Structure formats: C-alpha cells, structure tokens
C-alpha cells in the first residue's frame, strides 16, 4: 500500500469549528493533522488501520484506535467533529459509514470530508482521447480507491444522513456537514 505524506492539511483544519472540544480523525495515519489540533487544546482521537502508523500517531494524539472505522470505535462515544481526510474513497460503503458517523456526533456536531474530485482533466483527457483509465500508486486513480466522486456525487453521498453547509468544491472536494 502506498503511503501519502503525513500532512497537517491546513486547508481542511480551517473548517474545524472554533467550538470543537473533541474530534475524531478517521484514517489519521501518523497524526500530523490531529497534532495541530491538539496544540489548539482539542481532544483528538484517531482511527488508523496501519498499525505502525498508529503507533506514531499515538505519540501525537489523545487516543488512537487501531482498526477499521466504525467497528473499532466504542459504542456511545460522541465527538463535536469527525474528519474524513481522503479516506471515504477507500471504503466499500461510505454512505453507511457516514450514517454511523452521524450517530457519533454531539448535538451540534459536524463531519468534515476531503475527497479527490475525479472530474479532473488529468483523468478525463486520457479517458476521452485514448480510452485510458490507468490506476497508479497514488493520486486520483490510486489503485486502492474503491469509490470515485465528483462535486455532485459527493453532495449526494452526504444528503441522506446530513444537511450540508460551507461547501468548497475544489480539488480535492471539501465539505462541511452538520447533523
């Protein structure tokens, strides 16, 4: 499996509400994103499937659970904010995952997600011009992606369990959704 750089993702962190006291970072990798939020006084839990990355994250975050979300999260845990930084596209049923995430939010909690936008010239041009959809070790056509999204399909993914607000559909797609 290809590992992306462990990034603090400041473009995503700016969506975290100032009132957040407790945050869950699903797919936290080595914890760079959450570490910046811990510095802001936020209690940050991480979930990570890669055991070695989780060990590193556990030195930076409040608590790290090793395994797949949502199965590894203890019942009844609630968070002001749940983050999915480029992980939903790796999940077989991201809509079910989001429905479960909703049950782990506090009354005024939110979900923030970053997803790669497959409606990108680097994907469309080779497809239209040459009939090519070539997987790669990283990027939009990462061979570990099992789902692909556009602005429209990401919005649809979130519409059932959430009402969306604060959308910034760029590449990657960022979305802020409230309970």
N, C-alpha and C. Protein backbone atom coordinates (compact mmCIF):
# COMPACT_ATOMS: atom_id res chain seq x y z
N UNK A 1 0.84 -1.17 0.00
CA UNK A 1 0.00 0.00 0.00
C UNK A 1 0.89 1.24 0.00
N UNK A 2 0.56 2.20 -0.84
CA UNK A 2 1.28 3.46 -0.90
C UNK A 2 0.88 4.33 0.28
N UNK A 3 1.85 4.96 0.89
CA UNK A 3 1.55 5.89 1.97
C UNK A 3 1.80 7.30 1.49
N UNK A 4 0.82 8.14 1.69
CA UNK A 4 0.93 9.54 1.34
C UNK A 4 1.72 10.25 2.44
N UNK A 5 2.25 11.42 2.15
CA UNK A 5 2.95 12.16 3.20
C UNK A 5 2.00 12.47 4.35
N UNK A 6 2.52 12.46 5.57
CA UNK A 6 1.74 12.78 6.75
C UNK A 6 1.63 14.30 6.82
N UNK A 7 0.48 14.83 6.47
CA UNK A 7 0.31 16.27 6.30
C UNK A 7 -0.65 16.85 7.33
N UNK A 8 -0.37 18.07 7.81
CA UNK A 8 -1.29 18.73 8.73
C UNK A 8 -2.56 19.27 8.07
N UNK A 9 -2.61 19.27 6.74
CA UNK A 9 -3.79 19.66 5.96
C UNK A 9 -4.44 20.96 6.47
N UNK A 10 -3.71 22.08 6.44
CA UNK A 10 -4.28 23.34 6.94
C UNK A 10 -5.55 23.77 6.21
N UNK A 11 -5.70 23.38 4.93
CA UNK A 11 -6.90 23.74 4.17
C UNK A 11 -8.14 23.02 4.69
N UNK A 12 -7.95 21.90 5.37
CA UNK A 12 -9.06 21.19 5.99
C UNK A 12 -9.25 21.67 7.43
N UNK A 13 -8.16 21.90 8.13
CA UNK A 13 -8.21 22.33 9.54
C UNK A 13 -9.00 23.63 9.71
N UNK A 14 -8.98 24.49 8.69
CA UNK A 14 -9.70 25.76 8.81
C UNK A 14 -11.21 25.56 8.91
N UNK A 15 -11.72 24.39 8.52
CA UNK A 15 -13.15 24.09 8.62
C UNK A 15 -13.54 23.62 10.03
N UNK A 16 -12.57 23.22 10.84
CA UNK A 16 -12.89 22.72 12.19
C UNK A 16 -13.42 23.89 13.02
N UNK A 17 -14.66 23.78 13.50
CA UNK A 17 -15.25 24.90 14.26
C UNK A 17 -14.42 25.25 15.50
N UNK A 18 -14.37 26.52 15.81
CA UNK A 18 -13.61 27.01 16.97
C UNK A 18 -14.16 26.43 18.27
N UNK A 19 -15.41 26.01 18.27
CA UNK A 19 -16.03 25.46 19.48
C UNK A 19 -15.73 23.98 19.71
N UNK A 20 -14.99 23.35 18.79
CA UNK A 20 -14.71 21.92 18.89
C UNK A 20 -13.84 21.62 20.11
N UNK A 21 -14.32 20.70 20.92
CA UNK A 21 -13.56 20.26 22.09
C UNK A 21 -13.06 18.82 21.91
N UNK A 22 -13.81 18.04 21.12
CA UNK A 22 -13.49 16.62 20.94
C UNK A 22 -13.66 16.27 19.46
N UNK A 23 -12.62 15.70 18.86
CA UNK A 23 -12.60 15.44 17.42
C UNK A 23 -12.13 14.02 17.15
N UNK A 24 -12.72 13.38 16.14
CA UNK A 24 -12.30 12.06 15.69
C UNK A 24 -11.73 12.19 14.28
N UNK A 25 -10.50 11.74 14.10
CA UNK A 25 -9.83 11.76 12.80
C UNK A 25 -9.77 10.34 12.26
N UNK A 26 -10.67 10.02 11.32
CA UNK A 26 -10.74 8.67 10.75
C UNK A 26 -9.69 8.55 9.65
N UNK A 27 -8.81 7.58 9.79
CA UNK A 27 -7.70 7.43 8.85
C UNK A 27 -6.60 8.43 9.17
N UNK A 28 -6.27 8.53 10.43
CA UNK A 28 -5.36 9.59 10.91
C UNK A 28 -3.91 9.41 10.47
N UNK A 29 -3.55 8.26 9.93
CA UNK A 29 -2.19 7.92 9.55
C UNK A 29 -1.25 8.18 10.73
N UNK A 30 -0.24 9.02 10.60
CA UNK A 30 0.71 9.23 11.69
C UNK A 30 0.35 10.42 12.58
N UNK A 31 -0.81 11.03 12.34
CA UNK A 31 -1.33 12.03 13.26
C UNK A 31 -0.94 13.47 13.03
N UNK A 32 -0.37 13.82 11.89
CA UNK A 32 0.04 15.22 11.65
C UNK A 32 -1.14 16.17 11.68
N UNK A 33 -2.26 15.78 11.08
CA UNK A 33 -3.44 16.64 11.07
C UNK A 33 -3.92 16.88 12.51
N UNK A 34 -4.14 15.82 13.24
CA UNK A 34 -4.65 15.92 14.60
C UNK A 34 -3.70 16.60 15.56
N UNK A 35 -2.40 16.43 15.35
CA UNK A 35 -1.40 17.04 16.24
C UNK A 35 -1.55 18.55 16.28
N UNK A 36 -1.82 19.15 15.13
CA UNK A 36 -2.03 20.61 15.09
C UNK A 36 -3.25 21.01 15.89
N UNK A 37 -4.25 20.15 15.90
CA UNK A 37 -5.48 20.45 16.64
C UNK A 37 -5.30 20.22 18.14
N UNK A 38 -4.48 19.24 18.51
CA UNK A 38 -4.14 19.04 19.92
C UNK A 38 -3.47 20.30 20.46
N UNK A 39 -2.62 20.92 19.65
CA UNK A 39 -1.96 22.18 20.04
C UNK A 39 -2.99 23.28 20.31
N UNK A 40 -4.16 23.20 19.68
CA UNK A 40 -5.24 24.17 19.89
C UNK A 40 -6.09 23.82 21.10
N UNK A 41 -5.72 22.74 21.82
CA UNK A 41 -6.45 22.35 23.02
C UNK A 41 -7.60 21.39 22.77
N UNK A 42 -7.67 20.80 21.59
CA UNK A 42 -8.75 19.87 21.24
C UNK A 42 -8.32 18.45 21.62
N UNK A 43 -9.25 17.69 22.20
CA UNK A 43 -9.02 16.27 22.46
C UNK A 43 -9.22 15.55 21.13
N UNK A 44 -8.16 14.95 20.60
CA UNK A 44 -8.22 14.32 19.27
C UNK A 44 -8.00 12.82 19.39
N UNK A 45 -9.01 12.09 18.93
CA UNK A 45 -8.90 10.64 18.80
C UNK A 45 -8.62 10.34 17.33
N UNK A 46 -7.81 9.31 17.09
CA UNK A 46 -7.55 8.87 15.74
C UNK A 46 -7.96 7.42 15.56
N UNK A 47 -8.33 7.08 14.34
CA UNK A 47 -8.58 5.69 13.95
C UNK A 47 -7.67 5.41 12.77
N UNK A 48 -6.91 4.34 12.83
CA UNK A 48 -5.96 4.02 11.77
C UNK A 48 -5.83 2.51 11.61
N UNK A 49 -5.90 2.03 10.35
CA UNK A 49 -5.78 0.60 10.09
C UNK A 49 -4.33 0.13 10.06
N UNK A 50 -3.40 1.02 9.74
CA UNK A 50 -1.98 0.66 9.66
C UNK A 50 -1.37 0.75 11.06
N UNK A 51 -0.99 -0.41 11.59
CA UNK A 51 -0.51 -0.48 12.97
C UNK A 51 0.75 0.35 13.22
N UNK A 52 1.69 0.36 12.30
CA UNK A 52 2.92 1.14 12.51
C UNK A 52 2.64 2.64 12.47
N UNK A 53 1.75 3.07 11.58
CA UNK A 53 1.37 4.49 11.53
C UNK A 53 0.62 4.87 12.81
N UNK A 54 -0.23 3.98 13.29
CA UNK A 54 -0.99 4.23 14.52
C UNK A 54 -0.06 4.40 15.72
N UNK A 55 1.03 3.63 15.75
CA UNK A 55 2.00 3.78 16.85
C UNK A 55 2.58 5.19 16.88
N UNK A 56 2.92 5.71 15.70
CA UNK A 56 3.44 7.09 15.62
C UNK A 56 2.35 8.07 16.04
N UNK A 57 1.14 7.89 15.52
CA UNK A 57 0.03 8.79 15.85
C UNK A 57 -0.25 8.80 17.35
N UNK A 58 -0.08 7.66 18.01
CA UNK A 58 -0.38 7.59 19.45
C UNK A 58 0.55 8.47 20.28
N UNK A 59 1.67 8.89 19.71
CA UNK A 59 2.57 9.80 20.42
C UNK A 59 2.15 11.25 20.22
N UNK A 60 1.20 11.49 19.32
CA UNK A 60 0.81 12.86 18.96
C UNK A 60 -0.63 13.20 19.29
N UNK A 61 -1.48 12.18 19.38
CA UNK A 61 -2.91 12.40 19.59
C UNK A 61 -3.32 11.95 20.99
N UNK A 62 -4.52 12.33 21.40
CA UNK A 62 -5.04 11.98 22.72
C UNK A 62 -5.22 10.47 22.85
N UNK A 63 -5.80 9.86 21.82
CA UNK A 63 -6.03 8.42 21.82
C UNK A 63 -6.07 7.94 20.38
N UNK A 64 -5.52 6.76 20.13
CA UNK A 64 -5.54 6.18 18.78
C UNK A 64 -6.05 4.74 18.88
N UNK A 65 -7.03 4.43 18.03
CA UNK A 65 -7.59 3.09 17.94
C UNK A 65 -7.09 2.45 16.65
N UNK A 66 -6.60 1.24 16.74
CA UNK A 66 -6.09 0.52 15.58
C UNK A 66 -7.19 -0.38 15.04
N UNK A 67 -7.55 -0.17 13.78
CA UNK A 67 -8.58 -0.97 13.14
C UNK A 67 -9.41 -0.14 12.20
N UNK A 68 -10.50 -0.73 11.74
CA UNK A 68 -11.36 -0.08 10.75
C UNK A 68 -12.51 0.65 11.44
N UNK A 69 -12.78 1.86 10.95
CA UNK A 69 -13.94 2.61 11.41
C UNK A 69 -15.15 2.13 10.61
N UNK A 70 -16.29 1.94 11.24
CA UNK A 70 -16.65 2.31 12.60
C UNK A 70 -16.51 1.18 13.62
N UNK A 71 -16.13 -0.02 13.17
CA UNK A 71 -16.12 -1.19 14.06
C UNK A 71 -15.26 -0.99 15.31
N UNK A 72 -14.16 -0.30 15.20
CA UNK A 72 -13.21 -0.18 16.30
C UNK A 72 -13.61 0.87 17.34
N UNK A 73 -14.55 1.75 17.02
CA UNK A 73 -14.93 2.82 17.93
C UNK A 73 -15.91 2.31 18.98
N UNK A 74 -15.59 2.52 20.26
CA UNK A 74 -16.51 2.06 21.31
C UNK A 74 -17.90 2.71 21.19
N UNK A 75 -18.91 1.93 21.48
CA UNK A 75 -20.29 2.43 21.42
C UNK A 75 -20.46 3.60 22.38
N UNK A 76 -21.25 4.56 21.98
CA UNK A 76 -21.56 5.68 22.85
C UNK A 76 -20.59 6.84 22.81
N UNK A 77 -19.48 6.71 22.11
CA UNK A 77 -18.52 7.82 22.02
C UNK A 77 -19.11 8.90 21.12
N UNK A 78 -18.99 10.16 21.54
CA UNK A 78 -19.52 11.29 20.78
C UNK A 78 -18.43 12.32 20.57
N UNK A 79 -18.49 12.96 19.41
CA UNK A 79 -17.48 13.95 19.02
C UNK A 79 -18.16 15.19 18.46
N UNK A 80 -17.52 16.32 18.66
CA UNK A 80 -18.01 17.59 18.10
C UNK A 80 -17.73 17.65 16.60
N UNK A 81 -16.71 16.92 16.17
CA UNK A 81 -16.30 16.95 14.77
C UNK A 81 -15.68 15.61 14.40
N UNK A 82 -16.06 15.08 13.25
CA UNK A 82 -15.45 13.87 12.71
C UNK A 82 -14.86 14.21 11.36
N UNK A 83 -13.59 13.86 11.18
CA UNK A 83 -12.83 14.18 9.97
C UNK A 83 -12.61 12.92 9.13
N UNK A 84 -12.85 13.05 7.82
CA UNK A 84 -12.50 12.01 6.85
C UNK A 84 -11.59 12.66 5.82
N UNK A 85 -10.30 12.66 6.06
CA UNK A 85 -9.32 13.24 5.13
C UNK A 85 -8.93 12.19 4.10
N UNK A 86 -9.54 12.23 2.96
CA UNK A 86 -9.19 11.32 1.86
C UNK A 86 -9.23 9.85 2.27
N UNK A 87 -10.32 9.46 2.94
CA UNK A 87 -10.49 8.05 3.30
C UNK A 87 -11.79 7.44 2.78
N UNK A 88 -12.83 8.25 2.57
CA UNK A 88 -14.12 7.69 2.15
C UNK A 88 -14.02 6.98 0.81
N UNK A 89 -13.13 7.42 -0.07
CA UNK A 89 -12.98 6.78 -1.38
C UNK A 89 -12.33 5.40 -1.28
N UNK A 90 -11.80 5.06 -0.10
CA UNK A 90 -11.20 3.75 0.12
C UNK A 90 -12.19 2.78 0.76
N UNK A 91 -13.41 3.25 1.06
CA UNK A 91 -14.39 2.44 1.78
C UNK A 91 -15.44 1.87 0.83
N UNK A 92 -15.83 0.62 1.07
CA UNK A 92 -16.79 -0.06 0.22
C UNK A 92 -18.16 0.60 0.30
N UNK A 93 -18.57 1.03 1.48
CA UNK A 93 -19.90 1.62 1.66
C UNK A 93 -19.79 2.93 2.44
N UNK A 94 -19.31 3.98 1.79
CA UNK A 94 -19.10 5.24 2.51
C UNK A 94 -20.40 5.87 3.03
N UNK A 95 -21.52 5.62 2.38
CA UNK A 95 -22.77 6.19 2.88
C UNK A 95 -23.17 5.56 4.22
N UNK A 96 -22.96 4.27 4.36
CA UNK A 96 -23.23 3.59 5.65
C UNK A 96 -22.28 4.14 6.71
N UNK A 97 -21.02 4.34 6.34
CA UNK A 97 -20.03 4.88 7.28
C UNK A 97 -20.47 6.26 7.76
N UNK A 98 -20.97 7.09 6.85
CA UNK A 98 -21.43 8.43 7.23
C UNK A 98 -22.67 8.36 8.12
N UNK A 99 -23.56 7.41 7.85
CA UNK A 99 -24.74 7.26 8.70
C UNK A 99 -24.33 6.88 10.12
N UNK A 100 -23.33 6.00 10.24
CA UNK A 100 -22.82 5.62 11.56
C UNK A 100 -22.12 6.83 12.19
N UNK A 101 -21.37 7.58 11.40
CA UNK A 101 -20.68 8.77 11.92
C UNK A 101 -21.68 9.73 12.54
N UNK A 102 -22.81 9.89 11.92
CA UNK A 102 -23.84 10.79 12.45
C UNK A 102 -24.22 10.41 13.87
N UNK A 103 -24.27 9.11 14.15
CA UNK A 103 -24.63 8.64 15.49
C UNK A 103 -23.51 8.90 16.51
N UNK A 104 -22.32 9.22 16.04
CA UNK A 104 -21.18 9.51 16.93
C UNK A 104 -20.95 11.01 17.10
N UNK A 105 -21.88 11.81 16.60
CA UNK A 105 -21.74 13.26 16.73
C UNK A 105 -22.52 13.77 17.93
N UNK A 106 -22.00 14.84 18.54
CA UNK A 106 -22.75 15.54 19.56
C UNK A 106 -23.92 16.27 18.89
N UNK A 107 -24.78 16.86 19.68
CA UNK A 107 -25.98 17.54 19.17
C UNK A 107 -25.68 18.52 18.05
N UNK A 108 -24.63 19.32 18.17
CA UNK A 108 -24.28 20.31 17.15
C UNK A 108 -23.01 19.90 16.39
N UNK A 109 -22.73 18.61 16.36
CA UNK A 109 -21.52 18.11 15.72
C UNK A 109 -21.53 18.22 14.21
N UNK A 110 -20.36 18.08 13.62
CA UNK A 110 -20.24 18.16 12.16
C UNK A 110 -19.25 17.13 11.65
N UNK A 111 -19.37 16.84 10.37
CA UNK A 111 -18.42 15.99 9.65
C UNK A 111 -17.72 16.87 8.63
N UNK A 112 -16.43 16.70 8.52
CA UNK A 112 -15.65 17.40 7.50
C UNK A 112 -14.95 16.33 6.68
N UNK A 113 -15.11 16.42 5.37
CA UNK A 113 -14.51 15.40 4.50
C UNK A 113 -13.74 16.05 3.36
N UNK A 114 -12.67 15.41 3.00
CA UNK A 114 -11.89 15.77 1.82
C UNK A 114 -11.90 14.56 0.91
N UNK A 115 -12.29 14.78 -0.33
CA UNK A 115 -12.34 13.70 -1.32
C UNK A 115 -11.72 14.17 -2.62
N UNK A 116 -10.98 13.29 -3.30
CA UNK A 116 -10.47 13.68 -4.62
C UNK A 116 -11.61 13.77 -5.62
N UNK A 117 -11.55 14.77 -6.48
CA UNK A 117 -12.58 15.01 -7.49
C UNK A 117 -12.13 14.36 -8.81
N UNK A 118 -12.82 13.28 -9.19
CA UNK A 118 -12.43 12.55 -10.40
C UNK A 118 -12.76 13.33 -11.67
N UNK A 119 -13.57 14.36 -11.55
CA UNK A 119 -13.86 15.22 -12.71
C UNK A 119 -12.69 16.20 -12.86
N UNK A 120 -11.60 15.64 -13.31
CA UNK A 120 -10.34 16.35 -13.38
C UNK A 120 -9.73 16.09 -14.76
N UNK A 121 -9.14 17.10 -15.34
CA UNK A 121 -8.59 16.96 -16.69
C UNK A 121 -7.55 15.84 -16.80
N UNK A 122 -6.82 15.59 -15.70
CA UNK A 122 -5.81 14.53 -15.74
C UNK A 122 -6.43 13.15 -15.85
N UNK A 123 -7.70 13.02 -15.51
CA UNK A 123 -8.44 11.76 -15.65
C UNK A 123 -9.25 11.76 -16.94
N UNK A 124 -9.94 12.87 -17.20
CA UNK A 124 -10.86 12.95 -18.34
C UNK A 124 -10.14 12.92 -19.69
N UNK A 125 -9.05 13.66 -19.83
CA UNK A 125 -8.35 13.72 -21.13
C UNK A 125 -7.89 12.35 -21.61
N UNK A 126 -7.15 11.58 -20.79
CA UNK A 126 -6.74 10.25 -21.26
C UNK A 126 -7.93 9.32 -21.53
N UNK A 127 -9.00 9.48 -20.76
CA UNK A 127 -10.18 8.65 -20.96
C UNK A 127 -10.86 8.98 -22.29
N UNK A 128 -11.08 10.25 -22.56
CA UNK A 128 -11.76 10.67 -23.78
C UNK A 128 -10.88 10.50 -25.02
N UNK A 129 -9.63 10.92 -24.91
CA UNK A 129 -8.74 10.90 -26.08
C UNK A 129 -8.20 9.52 -26.43
N UNK A 130 -7.92 8.70 -25.39
CA UNK A 130 -7.24 7.42 -25.64
C UNK A 130 -7.96 6.21 -25.07
N UNK A 131 -9.09 6.43 -24.40
CA UNK A 131 -9.81 5.31 -23.79
C UNK A 131 -9.05 4.70 -22.63
N UNK A 132 -8.23 5.51 -21.93
CA UNK A 132 -7.39 5.00 -20.85
C UNK A 132 -7.89 5.46 -19.49
N UNK A 133 -7.91 4.55 -18.54
CA UNK A 133 -8.20 4.81 -17.13
C UNK A 133 -7.13 4.01 -16.38
N UNK A 134 -5.97 4.57 -16.25
CA UNK A 134 -4.83 3.84 -15.70
C UNK A 134 -4.64 4.11 -14.22
N UNK A 135 -4.72 3.04 -13.44
CA UNK A 135 -4.52 3.14 -12.00
C UNK A 135 -3.06 3.47 -11.71
N UNK A 136 -2.83 4.07 -10.55
CA UNK A 136 -1.48 4.45 -10.14
C UNK A 136 -1.31 4.12 -8.66
N UNK A 137 -0.09 4.30 -8.18
CA UNK A 137 0.18 4.03 -6.76
C UNK A 137 -0.31 5.16 -5.85
N UNK A 138 -0.60 6.31 -6.43
CA UNK A 138 -1.07 7.45 -5.65
C UNK A 138 -1.87 8.37 -6.56
N UNK A 139 -2.62 9.28 -5.95
CA UNK A 139 -3.34 10.28 -6.73
C UNK A 139 -4.79 9.91 -6.99
N UNK A 140 -5.39 10.61 -7.97
CA UNK A 140 -6.82 10.43 -8.27
C UNK A 140 -7.19 8.99 -8.61
N UNK A 141 -6.34 8.32 -9.34
CA UNK A 141 -6.63 6.94 -9.74
C UNK A 141 -5.82 5.93 -8.92
N UNK A 142 -5.64 6.26 -7.66
CA UNK A 142 -4.96 5.37 -6.71
C UNK A 142 -5.62 3.99 -6.79
N UNK A 143 -4.82 2.97 -6.92
CA UNK A 143 -5.37 1.62 -7.08
C UNK A 143 -6.09 1.11 -5.85
N UNK A 144 -5.96 1.80 -4.70
CA UNK A 144 -6.69 1.38 -3.50
C UNK A 144 -8.05 2.07 -3.37
N UNK A 145 -8.38 2.99 -4.29
CA UNK A 145 -9.70 3.62 -4.27
C UNK A 145 -10.74 2.62 -4.76
N UNK A 146 -11.86 2.55 -4.05
CA UNK A 146 -12.96 1.70 -4.48
C UNK A 146 -14.19 2.53 -4.86
N UNK A 147 -14.12 3.83 -4.63
CA UNK A 147 -15.18 4.77 -5.00
C UNK A 147 -14.55 6.02 -5.59
N UNK A 148 -15.27 6.65 -6.53
CA UNK A 148 -14.82 7.91 -7.11
C UNK A 148 -15.96 8.89 -7.01
N UNK A 149 -15.62 10.17 -6.82
CA UNK A 149 -16.64 11.18 -6.61
C UNK A 149 -16.40 12.41 -7.47
N UNK A 150 -17.51 13.06 -7.79
CA UNK A 150 -17.50 14.40 -8.39
C UNK A 150 -18.19 15.31 -7.38
N UNK A 151 -18.26 16.57 -7.69
CA UNK A 151 -18.97 17.51 -6.82
C UNK A 151 -20.39 17.02 -6.56
N UNK A 152 -21.08 16.62 -7.61
CA UNK A 152 -22.48 16.18 -7.48
C UNK A 152 -22.62 14.90 -6.66
N UNK A 153 -21.78 13.92 -6.94
CA UNK A 153 -21.94 12.64 -6.23
C UNK A 153 -21.49 12.73 -4.78
N UNK A 154 -20.56 13.63 -4.48
CA UNK A 154 -20.20 13.81 -3.08
C UNK A 154 -21.36 14.44 -2.32
N UNK A 155 -21.98 15.42 -2.93
CA UNK A 155 -23.14 16.06 -2.30
C UNK A 155 -24.23 15.01 -2.06
N UNK A 156 -24.49 14.15 -3.02
CA UNK A 156 -25.49 13.10 -2.88
C UNK A 156 -25.11 12.12 -1.76
N UNK A 157 -23.84 11.81 -1.64
CA UNK A 157 -23.36 10.91 -0.60
C UNK A 157 -23.74 11.44 0.78
N UNK A 158 -23.65 12.75 0.96
CA UNK A 158 -23.91 13.37 2.26
C UNK A 158 -25.38 13.74 2.47
N UNK A 159 -26.17 13.85 1.42
CA UNK A 159 -27.53 14.36 1.56
C UNK A 159 -28.42 13.51 2.44
N UNK A 160 -28.28 12.21 2.38
CA UNK A 160 -29.17 11.35 3.16
C UNK A 160 -28.95 11.53 4.67
N UNK A 161 -27.72 11.38 5.17
CA UNK A 161 -27.57 11.49 6.63
C UNK A 161 -27.35 12.92 7.16
N UNK A 162 -27.09 13.90 6.31
CA UNK A 162 -26.72 15.23 6.78
C UNK A 162 -27.38 16.33 5.97
N UNK A 163 -27.32 17.55 6.51
CA UNK A 163 -27.58 18.73 5.70
C UNK A 163 -26.24 19.41 5.54
N UNK A 164 -25.92 19.79 4.34
CA UNK A 164 -24.59 20.31 4.05
C UNK A 164 -24.56 21.83 4.14
N UNK A 165 -23.39 22.33 4.49
CA UNK A 165 -23.18 23.78 4.56
C UNK A 165 -21.69 24.03 4.42
N UNK A 166 -21.34 25.23 4.06
CA UNK A 166 -19.93 25.59 3.99
C UNK A 166 -19.16 24.83 2.93
N UNK A 167 -19.84 24.47 1.85
CA UNK A 167 -19.19 23.69 0.81
C UNK A 167 -18.09 24.50 0.14
N UNK A 168 -17.00 23.85 -0.15
CA UNK A 168 -15.98 24.44 -1.01
C UNK A 168 -15.56 23.32 -1.94
N UNK A 169 -16.19 23.28 -3.09
CA UNK A 169 -15.90 22.21 -4.02
C UNK A 169 -14.75 22.61 -4.91
N UNK A 170 -13.60 22.16 -4.52
CA UNK A 170 -12.37 22.40 -5.26
C UNK A 170 -11.78 21.03 -5.54
N UNK A 171 -10.53 20.97 -5.81
CA UNK A 171 -9.88 19.67 -5.92
C UNK A 171 -8.74 19.67 -4.92
N UNK A 172 -8.79 18.92 -3.82
CA UNK A 172 -9.84 17.95 -3.52
C UNK A 172 -11.13 18.64 -3.08
N UNK A 173 -12.21 17.88 -3.11
CA UNK A 173 -13.50 18.39 -2.66
C UNK A 173 -13.47 18.46 -1.15
N UNK A 174 -13.88 19.59 -0.59
CA UNK A 174 -14.01 19.71 0.86
C UNK A 174 -15.47 19.98 1.17
N UNK A 175 -15.98 19.31 2.18
CA UNK A 175 -17.38 19.50 2.53
C UNK A 175 -17.52 19.50 4.04
N UNK A 176 -18.34 20.41 4.52
CA UNK A 176 -18.64 20.53 5.94
C UNK A 176 -20.11 20.21 6.09
N UNK A 177 -20.45 19.19 6.87
CA UNK A 177 -21.83 18.76 7.02
C UNK A 177 -22.23 18.74 8.48
N UNK A 178 -23.44 19.18 8.75
CA UNK A 178 -23.96 19.21 10.13
C UNK A 178 -25.04 18.17 10.31
N UNK A 179 -25.18 17.77 11.57
CA UNK A 179 -26.21 16.83 11.99
C UNK A 179 -27.53 17.42 11.70
